[in-house]
Amino acid sequence: MSSAIYVITLDPDSSRVQELLGQLREQGLTGEIFRGVDGRGGMPALRPEERFCRWKALARHKRWLTSSEVGCYLSHLRAIRRAWEAGHDRVCILEDDVVLEPGFARVLTELGGDPELELVRFMALRLRPRTVVRPLADRYRLVRPKRGTVGTQGYQLNRAGMARLLAHGSCLYEPIDKVMDHFWLYGLKTFLVEPHLVWERPSPSLVNRPATPPRETSWLQRLIHPLFKLYHSLRRHLYLLVHRREFAAASLPDSSVGKTPRLH
C-alpha cells in the first residue's frame, strides 16, 4: 500500500521544519517537504482546475476569502492533489508548526488502509460531541465527531477522501478547515484521534489576518445569507438523521484530549 507524509511549509530551512522531520525519523517515518502557497503578499494565482466561487463566499460568509486564507487553502488542496496524482492510497499532511506525540507512528500504522476512514484528524481546536468508534494503540481511541472540529494542523486522507475533497474543494469559497468541517455537504466520513496525536506550537496566525478590507454586501447578499445558512443547517440535520446510528451516544470528552493552547 502506497502512502506519503507531507509537511506543508513556507520556510523549508526553518528550525521547526527540521525538528518536525527529525521527530518523524525518530518514529521510523519519512516526511517530504511540500512548499506551501504564500498569500501574504497578494492573491495567489489559481490553476485551471481551481476556481473562486465568490457568490457562495458572499452568501455563506458575507465576505471573500483573504489572500492569506487562499494561500493556506491552496497549500492543502495542492498537497492532496499531488498525493492523488502520485497514486498514493493514503496521505498524511502536517503543518510545520506541530509537535508529534510519541505514539504517532503506531497509531498511523494501526489506522492502515481502512476504507471507512476517509479523513482522520490528528488534532482539533474545538471540542464537539462525538461517538467513540474503537480503541487504538496505547491509550488512543478513534472517535467520530458530529460537527466540525476546526483546524488543518494534522490529518490523514485515504484515496476516497482525497477524491471527495478534490471534487468539492476545487471551488474556493470558505477556509479549508471549514470545507473539512462541512463534511455532511459531500459525504466525507470524518474521524478524530483522542487524545490528539499532534499539538501546535503557540504562534501568531497569518491565515486569519485579513489582507484586504471586507467588501460591503448588497441588499441581495444580505437577503441570501440567512437563506444559505438555513440551507446548510437543514443539510447537516438531514445528514445526521440519515446516519444517526453512526453518531449514536455522542458526548463531549470527560477529560483533556490535547495540549494545543487554543483548544476549547
C-alpha atoms as a PDB file:
ATOM      1  CA  MET A   1       0.000   0.000   0.000  1.00  0.00           C
ATOM      2  CA  SER A   2       1.454   3.351  -1.092  1.00  0.00           C
ATOM      3  CA  SER A   3       1.445   6.265   1.356  1.00  0.00           C
ATOM      4  CA  ALA A   4       3.131   9.632   1.845  1.00  0.00           C
ATOM      5  CA  ILE A   5       3.711  12.197   4.592  1.00  0.00           C
ATOM      6  CA  TYR A   6       3.840  15.851   3.502  1.00  0.00           C
ATOM      7  CA  VAL A   7       4.985  18.714   5.713  1.00  0.00           C
ATOM      8  CA  ILE A   8       3.489  21.978   4.421  1.00  0.00           C
ATOM      9  CA  THR A   9       5.767  24.972   4.958  1.00  0.00           C
ATOM     10  CA  LEU A  10       6.708  28.361   3.529  1.00  0.00           C
ATOM     11  CA  ASP A  11      10.183  28.109   5.045  1.00  0.00           C
ATOM     12  CA  PRO A  12      11.754  24.686   4.408  1.00  0.00           C
ATOM     13  CA  ASP A  13      15.037  25.636   6.077  1.00  0.00           C
ATOM     14  CA  SER A  14      13.499  26.753   9.369  1.00  0.00           C
ATOM     15  CA  SER A  15      14.482  25.016  12.597  1.00  0.00           C
ATOM     16  CA  ARG A  16      10.902  23.945  13.354  1.00  0.00           C
ATOM     17  CA  VAL A  17      10.603  22.182   9.985  1.00  0.00           C
ATOM     18  CA  GLN A  18      13.860  20.323  10.538  1.00  0.00           C
ATOM     19  CA  GLU A  19      12.771  19.422  14.063  1.00  0.00           C
ATOM     20  CA  LEU A  20       9.475  18.023  12.778  1.00  0.00           C
ATOM     21  CA  LEU A  21      11.236  15.969  10.101  1.00  0.00           C
ATOM     22  CA  GLY A  22      13.556  14.707  12.837  1.00  0.00           C
ATOM     23  CA  GLN A  23      10.599  13.670  15.002  1.00  0.00           C
ATOM     24  CA  LEU A  24       9.216  11.681  12.084  1.00  0.00           C
ATOM     25  CA  ARG A  25      12.560   9.936  11.549  1.00  0.00           C
ATOM     26  CA  GLU A  26      12.771   9.063  15.247  1.00  0.00           C
ATOM     27  CA  GLN A  27       9.480   7.195  14.866  1.00  0.00           C
ATOM     28  CA  GLY A  28      10.623   5.396  11.726  1.00  0.00           C
ATOM     29  CA  LEU A  29       8.734   7.645   9.302  1.00  0.00           C
ATOM     30  CA  THR A  30       9.885   9.719   6.332  1.00  0.00           C
ATOM     31  CA  GLY A  31       8.416  13.150   5.736  1.00  0.00           C
ATOM     32  CA  GLU A  32       8.557  15.096   2.486  1.00  0.00           C
ATOM     33  CA  ILE A  33       8.585  18.890   2.395  1.00  0.00           C
ATOM     34  CA  PHE A  34       5.704  20.402   0.441  1.00  0.00           C
ATOM     35  CA  ARG A  35       6.277  24.064  -0.284  1.00  0.00           C
ATOM     36  CA  GLY A  36       3.104  25.962   0.522  1.00  0.00           C
ATOM     37  CA  VAL A  37       1.419  28.760  -1.399  1.00  0.00           C
ATOM     38  CA  ASP A  38       2.255  32.172   0.062  1.00  0.00           C
ATOM     39  CA  GLY A  39      -0.718  34.509   0.052  1.00  0.00           C
ATOM     40  CA  ARG A  40       0.685  37.117   2.417  1.00  0.00           C
ATOM     41  CA  GLY A  41       1.821  39.436  -0.372  1.00  0.00           C
ATOM     42  CA  GLY A  42      -1.263  39.249  -2.562  1.00  0.00           C
ATOM     43  CA  MET A  43      -3.854  36.934  -4.049  1.00  0.00           C
ATOM     44  CA  PRO A  44      -2.223  33.725  -5.392  1.00  0.00           C
ATOM     45  CA  ALA A  45      -2.885  32.683  -8.972  1.00  0.00           C
ATOM     46  CA  LEU A  46      -5.196  29.733  -9.485  1.00  0.00           C
ATOM     47  CA  ARG A  47      -4.560  26.712 -11.668  1.00  0.00           C
ATOM     48  CA  PRO A  48      -7.053  25.584 -14.352  1.00  0.00           C
ATOM     49  CA  GLU A  49      -8.631  23.004 -12.024  1.00  0.00           C
ATOM     50  CA  GLU A  50      -9.209  25.625  -9.280  1.00  0.00           C
ATOM     51  CA  ARG A  51     -11.793  28.387  -9.250  1.00  0.00           C
ATOM     52  CA  PHE A  52     -13.279  31.035  -6.976  1.00  0.00           C
ATOM     53  CA  CYS A  53     -16.978  30.777  -6.109  1.00  0.00           C
ATOM     54  CA  ARG A  54     -17.434  34.338  -4.901  1.00  0.00           C
ATOM     55  CA  TRP A  55     -21.218  34.221  -4.830  1.00  0.00           C
ATOM     56  CA  LYS A  56     -21.033  31.301  -2.390  1.00  0.00           C
ATOM     57  CA  ALA A  57     -18.483  33.150  -0.259  1.00  0.00           C
ATOM     58  CA  LEU A  58     -20.748  36.182  -0.017  1.00  0.00           C
ATOM     59  CA  ALA A  59     -23.873  34.090   0.519  1.00  0.00           C
ATOM     60  CA  ARG A  60     -22.291  31.920   3.222  1.00  0.00           C
ATOM     61  CA  HIS A  61     -19.863  34.305   4.976  1.00  0.00           C
ATOM     62  CA  LYS A  62     -20.715  37.773   3.621  1.00  0.00           C
ATOM     63  CA  ARG A  63     -17.093  38.281   2.524  1.00  0.00           C
ATOM     64  CA  TRP A  64     -14.489  36.921   0.154  1.00  0.00           C
ATOM     65  CA  LEU A  65     -11.531  34.850   1.246  1.00  0.00           C
ATOM     66  CA  THR A  66      -8.431  36.859   2.074  1.00  0.00           C
ATOM     67  CA  SER A  67      -5.225  36.236   0.132  1.00  0.00           C
ATOM     68  CA  SER A  68      -3.677  34.526   3.172  1.00  0.00           C
ATOM     69  CA  GLU A  69      -6.691  32.230   3.518  1.00  0.00           C
ATOM     70  CA  VAL A  70      -6.419  31.378  -0.177  1.00  0.00           C
ATOM     71  CA  GLY A  71      -2.700  30.626   0.238  1.00  0.00           C
ATOM     72  CA  CYS A  72      -3.423  28.235   3.103  1.00  0.00           C
ATOM     73  CA  TYR A  73      -6.301  26.672   1.186  1.00  0.00           C
ATOM     74  CA  LEU A  74      -4.250  26.061  -1.968  1.00  0.00           C
ATOM     75  CA  SER A  75      -1.339  24.666   0.048  1.00  0.00           C
ATOM     76  CA  HIS A  76      -3.546  21.883   1.381  1.00  0.00           C
ATOM     77  CA  LEU A  77      -5.550  21.356  -1.809  1.00  0.00           C
ATOM     78  CA  ARG A  78      -2.413  21.014  -3.933  1.00  0.00           C
ATOM     79  CA  ALA A  79      -0.729  18.703  -1.424  1.00  0.00           C
ATOM     80  CA  ILE A  80      -3.805  16.452  -1.615  1.00  0.00           C
ATOM     81  CA  ARG A  81      -3.785  16.649  -5.412  1.00  0.00           C
ATOM     82  CA  ARG A  82      -0.106  15.690  -5.544  1.00  0.00           C
ATOM     83  CA  ALA A  83      -0.806  12.599  -3.436  1.00  0.00           C
ATOM     84  CA  TRP A  84      -3.777  11.713  -5.643  1.00  0.00           C
ATOM     85  CA  GLU A  85      -1.833  12.099  -8.887  1.00  0.00           C
ATOM     86  CA  ALA A  86       1.078  10.102  -7.431  1.00  0.00           C
ATOM     87  CA  GLY A  87      -1.353   7.221  -6.881  1.00  0.00           C
ATOM     88  CA  HIS A  88      -0.964   7.086  -3.096  1.00  0.00           C
ATOM     89  CA  ASP A  89      -3.600   5.123  -1.200  1.00  0.00           C
ATOM     90  CA  ARG A  90      -3.316   7.489   1.755  1.00  0.00           C
ATOM     91  CA  VAL A  91      -1.567  10.716   2.616  1.00  0.00           C
ATOM     92  CA  CYS A  92      -0.718  12.275   5.976  1.00  0.00           C
ATOM     93  CA  ILE A  93      -0.481  16.069   5.895  1.00  0.00           C
ATOM     94  CA  LEU A  94       1.160  18.075   8.670  1.00  0.00           C
ATOM     95  CA  GLU A  95       1.583  21.824   9.038  1.00  0.00           C
ATOM     96  CA  ASP A  96       5.088  22.881  10.036  1.00  0.00           C
ATOM     97  CA  ASP A  97       4.185  24.214  13.492  1.00  0.00           C
ATOM     98  CA  VAL A  98       3.097  20.908  15.041  1.00  0.00           C
ATOM     99  CA  VAL A  99       4.796  18.572  17.512  1.00  0.00           C
ATOM    100  CA  LEU A 100       4.243  14.813  17.333  1.00  0.00           C
ATOM    101  CA  GLU A 101       3.217  12.705  20.314  1.00  0.00           C
ATOM    102  CA  PRO A 102       5.315   9.544  20.907  1.00  0.00           C
ATOM    103  CA  GLY A 103       2.552   7.223  19.698  1.00  0.00           C
ATOM    104  CA  PHE A 104       2.103   8.929  16.332  1.00  0.00           C
ATOM    105  CA  ALA A 105       3.708   6.220  14.164  1.00  0.00           C
ATOM    106  CA  ARG A 106       1.992   3.332  15.967  1.00  0.00           C
ATOM    107  CA  VAL A 107      -1.454   4.847  15.534  1.00  0.00           C
ATOM    108  CA  LEU A 108      -0.721   5.777  11.915  1.00  0.00           C
ATOM    109  CA  THR A 109       0.157   2.142  11.232  1.00  0.00           C
ATOM    110  CA  GLU A 110      -2.947   0.867  13.023  1.00  0.00           C
ATOM    111  CA  LEU A 111      -5.237   3.160  11.043  1.00  0.00           C
ATOM    112  CA  GLY A 112      -3.820   1.475   7.937  1.00  0.00           C
ATOM    113  CA  GLY A 113      -5.936   1.342   4.824  1.00  0.00           C
ATOM    114  CA  ASP A 114      -9.388   1.075   6.404  1.00  0.00           C
ATOM    115  CA  PRO A 115     -11.730   2.223   3.584  1.00  0.00           C
ATOM    116  CA  GLU A 116     -14.154   3.753   6.096  1.00  0.00           C
ATOM    117  CA  LEU A 117     -11.571   6.246   7.372  1.00  0.00           C
ATOM    118  CA  GLU A 118     -11.756   8.827   4.608  1.00  0.00           C
ATOM    119  CA  LEU A 119     -10.483  11.679   6.818  1.00  0.00           C
ATOM    120  CA  VAL A 120      -8.836  11.247  10.212  1.00  0.00           C
ATOM    121  CA  ARG A 121      -7.807  14.409  12.018  1.00  0.00           C
ATOM    122  CA  PHE A 122      -4.948  14.156  14.500  1.00  0.00           C
ATOM    123  CA  MET A 123      -5.868  17.267  16.496  1.00  0.00           C
ATOM    124  CA  ALA A 124      -8.719  19.729  16.841  1.00  0.00           C
ATOM    125  CA  LEU A 125      -9.344  23.276  18.019  1.00  0.00           C
ATOM    126  CA  ARG A 126     -12.941  22.711  19.145  1.00  0.00           C
ATOM    127  CA  LEU A 127     -14.457  20.149  21.489  1.00  0.00           C
ATOM    128  CA  ARG A 128     -17.523  18.564  19.895  1.00  0.00           C
ATOM    129  CA  PRO A 129     -19.918  15.777  20.845  1.00  0.00           C
ATOM    130  CA  ARG A 130     -18.515  12.591  19.350  1.00  0.00           C
ATOM    131  CA  THR A 131     -19.089   8.855  19.295  1.00  0.00           C
ATOM    132  CA  VAL A 132     -16.269   6.558  20.365  1.00  0.00           C
ATOM    133  CA  VAL A 133     -15.638   4.128  17.489  1.00  0.00           C
ATOM    134  CA  ARG A 134     -12.856   1.882  18.792  1.00  0.00           C
ATOM    135  CA  PRO A 135      -9.645   1.825  20.843  1.00  0.00           C
ATOM    136  CA  LEU A 136      -6.296   2.292  19.127  1.00  0.00           C
ATOM    137  CA  ALA A 137      -2.682   1.614  20.109  1.00  0.00           C
ATOM    138  CA  ASP A 138      -1.614   2.654  23.606  1.00  0.00           C
ATOM    139  CA  ARG A 139      -4.168   4.938  25.233  1.00  0.00           C
ATOM    140  CA  TYR A 140      -5.615   6.348  21.983  1.00  0.00           C
ATOM    141  CA  ARG A 141      -9.055   5.871  20.521  1.00  0.00           C
ATOM    142  CA  LEU A 142     -10.840   6.681  17.299  1.00  0.00           C
ATOM    143  CA  VAL A 143     -13.927   8.904  17.592  1.00  0.00           C
ATOM    144  CA  ARG A 144     -16.446  10.363  15.151  1.00  0.00           C
ATOM    145  CA  PRO A 145     -17.477  13.984  15.806  1.00  0.00           C
ATOM    146  CA  LYS A 146     -21.000  15.174  14.997  1.00  0.00           C
ATOM    147  CA  ARG A 147     -19.721  18.611  13.970  1.00  0.00           C
ATOM    148  CA  GLY A 148     -16.546  20.074  12.540  1.00  0.00           C
ATOM    149  CA  THR A 149     -13.650  20.241  14.977  1.00  0.00           C
ATOM    150  CA  VAL A 150     -11.785  23.103  13.193  1.00  0.00           C
ATOM    151  CA  GLY A 151      -8.145  23.149  12.113  1.00  0.00           C
ATOM    152  CA  THR A 152      -5.895  21.530   9.496  1.00  0.00           C
ATOM    153  CA  GLN A 153      -2.729  21.107  11.560  1.00  0.00           C
ATOM    154  CA  GLY A 154      -2.523  17.344  11.012  1.00  0.00           C
ATOM    155  CA  TYR A 155      -4.722  14.774   9.286  1.00  0.00           C
ATOM    156  CA  GLN A 156      -4.782  11.700   7.039  1.00  0.00           C
ATOM    157  CA  LEU A 157      -6.871  11.060   3.925  1.00  0.00           C
ATOM    158  CA  ASN A 158      -7.396   7.772   2.163  1.00  0.00           C
ATOM    159  CA  ARG A 159      -7.991   7.502  -1.578  1.00  0.00           C
ATOM    160  CA  ALA A 160     -11.751   8.010  -1.316  1.00  0.00           C
ATOM    161  CA  GLY A 161     -11.278  11.006   0.976  1.00  0.00           C
ATOM    162  CA  MET A 162      -8.848  12.623  -1.453  1.00  0.00           C
ATOM    163  CA  ALA A 163     -11.337  12.202  -4.290  1.00  0.00           C
ATOM    164  CA  ARG A 164     -14.185  13.768  -2.297  1.00  0.00           C
ATOM    165  CA  LEU A 165     -12.124  16.733  -1.119  1.00  0.00           C
ATOM    166  CA  LEU A 166     -10.684  17.451  -4.556  1.00  0.00           C
ATOM    167  CA  ALA A 167     -14.103  17.289  -6.193  1.00  0.00           C
ATOM    168  CA  HIS A 168     -15.831  19.510  -3.631  1.00  0.00           C
ATOM    169  CA  GLY A 169     -12.896  21.700  -2.605  1.00  0.00           C
ATOM    170  CA  SER A 170     -11.761  22.869  -6.041  1.00  0.00           C
ATOM    171  CA  CYS A 171     -14.429  25.588  -5.723  1.00  0.00           C
ATOM    172  CA  LEU A 172     -12.961  28.076  -3.217  1.00  0.00           C
ATOM    173  CA  TYR A 173     -15.448  29.958  -1.077  1.00  0.00           C
ATOM    174  CA  GLU A 174     -14.525  29.327   2.582  1.00  0.00           C
ATOM    175  CA  PRO A 175     -11.378  28.435   4.576  1.00  0.00           C
ATOM    176  CA  ILE A 176     -10.028  24.928   4.012  1.00  0.00           C
ATOM    177  CA  ASP A 177     -10.782  23.721   7.550  1.00  0.00           C
ATOM    178  CA  LYS A 178     -14.405  24.777   7.084  1.00  0.00           C
ATOM    179  CA  VAL A 179     -14.523  22.623   3.953  1.00  0.00           C
ATOM    180  CA  MET A 180     -13.485  19.668   6.119  1.00  0.00           C
ATOM    181  CA  ASP A 181     -15.890  20.727   8.875  1.00  0.00           C
ATOM    182  CA  HIS A 182     -18.797  20.719   6.416  1.00  0.00           C
ATOM    183  CA  PHE A 183     -18.321  17.018   5.665  1.00  0.00           C
ATOM    184  CA  TRP A 184     -22.068  16.490   5.519  1.00  0.00           C
ATOM    185  CA  LEU A 185     -22.331  18.541   2.298  1.00  0.00           C
ATOM    186  CA  TYR A 186     -20.409  15.969   0.256  1.00  0.00           C
ATOM    187  CA  GLY A 187     -20.480  12.804   2.342  1.00  0.00           C
ATOM    188  CA  LEU A 188     -16.909  12.821   3.672  1.00  0.00           C
ATOM    189  CA  LYS A 189     -16.531  10.305   6.517  1.00  0.00           C
ATOM    190  CA  THR A 190     -14.621  12.223   9.181  1.00  0.00           C
ATOM    191  CA  PHE A 191     -12.926  10.905  12.315  1.00  0.00           C
ATOM    192  CA  LEU A 192     -10.609  12.174  15.056  1.00  0.00           C
ATOM    193  CA  VAL A 193      -7.964  10.597  17.283  1.00  0.00           C
ATOM    194  CA  GLU A 194      -8.172  11.199  21.048  1.00  0.00           C
ATOM    195  CA  PRO A 195      -6.025  12.168  22.838  1.00  0.00           C
ATOM    196  CA  HIS A 196      -4.637  14.224  19.989  1.00  0.00           C
ATOM    197  CA  LEU A 197      -1.615  12.820  18.183  1.00  0.00           C
ATOM    198  CA  VAL A 198      -0.141  16.253  17.427  1.00  0.00           C
ATOM    199  CA  TRP A 199      -0.291  19.674  19.031  1.00  0.00           C
ATOM    200  CA  GLU A 200       0.600  23.086  17.654  1.00  0.00           C
ATOM    201  CA  ARG A 201       3.287  25.394  18.934  1.00  0.00           C
ATOM    202  CA  PRO A 202       1.923  28.758  20.104  1.00  0.00           C
ATOM    203  CA  SER A 203       2.491  31.216  17.253  1.00  0.00           C
ATOM    204  CA  PRO A 204       0.649  34.162  15.671  1.00  0.00           C
ATOM    205  CA  SER A 205      -1.664  33.137  12.850  1.00  0.00           C
ATOM    206  CA  LEU A 206      -1.083  34.515   9.370  1.00  0.00           C
ATOM    207  CA  VAL A 207      -4.169  32.927   7.875  1.00  0.00           C
ATOM    208  CA  ASN A 208      -6.773  34.834   9.858  1.00  0.00           C
ATOM    209  CA  ARG A 209      -5.207  38.237   9.322  1.00  0.00           C
ATOM    210  CA  PRO A 210      -7.302  39.946   6.585  1.00  0.00           C
ATOM    211  CA  ALA A 211      -5.169  41.137   3.682  1.00  0.00           C
ATOM    212  CA  THR A 212      -7.930  43.331   2.277  1.00  0.00           C
ATOM    213  CA  PRO A 213     -10.843  45.171   3.932  1.00  0.00           C
ATOM    214  CA  PRO A 214     -14.175  43.326   3.757  1.00  0.00           C
ATOM    215  CA  ARG A 215     -16.432  44.277   0.856  1.00  0.00           C
ATOM    216  CA  GLU A 216     -19.739  45.934   1.669  1.00  0.00           C
ATOM    217  CA  THR A 217     -22.530  43.497   0.903  1.00  0.00           C
ATOM    218  CA  SER A 218     -25.538  44.412  -1.198  1.00  0.00           C
ATOM    219  CA  TRP A 219     -29.160  44.096  -0.083  1.00  0.00           C
ATOM    220  CA  LEU A 220     -29.457  40.940  -2.190  1.00  0.00           C
ATOM    221  CA  GLN A 221     -26.457  39.338  -0.490  1.00  0.00           C
ATOM    222  CA  ARG A 222     -27.817  40.284   2.935  1.00  0.00           C
ATOM    223  CA  LEU A 223     -31.090  38.607   1.938  1.00  0.00           C
ATOM    224  CA  ILE A 224     -29.437  35.437   0.624  1.00  0.00           C
ATOM    225  CA  HIS A 225     -27.091  34.954   3.607  1.00  0.00           C
ATOM    226  CA  PRO A 226     -29.705  33.735   6.151  1.00  0.00           C
ATOM    227  CA  LEU A 227     -31.324  31.543   3.479  1.00  0.00           C
ATOM    228  CA  PHE A 228     -27.989  29.953   2.613  1.00  0.00           C
ATOM    229  CA  LYS A 229     -27.276  29.491   6.317  1.00  0.00           C
ATOM    230  CA  LEU A 230     -30.657  27.795   6.732  1.00  0.00           C
ATOM    231  CA  TYR A 231     -29.900  25.545   3.759  1.00  0.00           C
ATOM    232  CA  HIS A 232     -26.613  24.465   5.368  1.00  0.00           C
ATOM    233  CA  SER A 233     -28.356  23.770   8.660  1.00  0.00           C
ATOM    234  CA  LEU A 234     -31.039  21.650   7.000  1.00  0.00           C
ATOM    235  CA  ARG A 235     -28.414  19.683   5.066  1.00  0.00           C
ATOM    236  CA  ARG A 236     -26.470  18.993   8.265  1.00  0.00           C
ATOM    237  CA  HIS A 237     -29.521  17.855  10.207  1.00  0.00           C
ATOM    238  CA  LEU A 238     -30.649  15.642   7.322  1.00  0.00           C
ATOM    239  CA  TYR A 239     -27.209  14.009   7.147  1.00  0.00           C
ATOM    240  CA  LEU A 240     -27.180  13.361  10.892  1.00  0.00           C
ATOM    241  CA  LEU A 241     -30.694  11.934  10.701  1.00  0.00           C
ATOM    242  CA  VAL A 242     -29.810   9.554   7.864  1.00  0.00           C
ATOM    243  CA  HIS A 243     -26.589   8.493   9.635  1.00  0.00           C
ATOM    244  CA  ARG A 244     -27.952   8.620  13.187  1.00  0.00           C
ATOM    245  CA  ARG A 245     -26.688   5.134  14.055  1.00  0.00           C
ATOM    246  CA  GLU A 246     -23.119   6.189  13.269  1.00  0.00           C
ATOM    247  CA  PHE A 247     -23.371   9.081  15.759  1.00  0.00           C
ATOM    248  CA  ALA A 248     -25.256   7.251  18.497  1.00  0.00           C
ATOM    249  CA  ALA A 249     -24.453   8.107  22.119  1.00  0.00           C
ATOM    250  CA  ALA A 250     -22.350  11.117  21.117  1.00  0.00           C
ATOM    251  CA  SER A 251     -20.988  13.096  24.068  1.00  0.00           C
ATOM    252  CA  LEU A 252     -18.250  15.574  24.914  1.00  0.00           C
ATOM    253  CA  PRO A 253     -14.923  14.225  26.232  1.00  0.00           C
ATOM    254  CA  ASP A 254     -14.834  13.928  30.021  1.00  0.00           C
ATOM    255  CA  SER A 255     -11.105  14.767  30.247  1.00  0.00           C
ATOM    256  CA  SER A 256      -8.421  16.759  28.432  1.00  0.00           C
ATOM    257  CA  VAL A 257      -7.739  15.463  24.927  1.00  0.00           C
ATOM    258  CA  GLY A 258      -4.922  17.713  23.694  1.00  0.00           C
ATOM    259  CA  LYS A 259      -2.109  20.132  24.516  1.00  0.00           C
ATOM    260  CA  THR A 260      -2.903  22.810  21.939  1.00  0.00           C
ATOM    261  CA  PRO A 261      -3.363  26.151  23.765  1.00  0.00           C
ATOM    262  CA  ARG A 262      -6.245  27.220  21.512  1.00  0.00           C
ATOM    263  CA  LEU A 263      -8.301  24.070  22.154  1.00  0.00           C
ATOM    264  CA  HIS A 264     -11.668  24.809  23.730  1.00  0.00           C
END
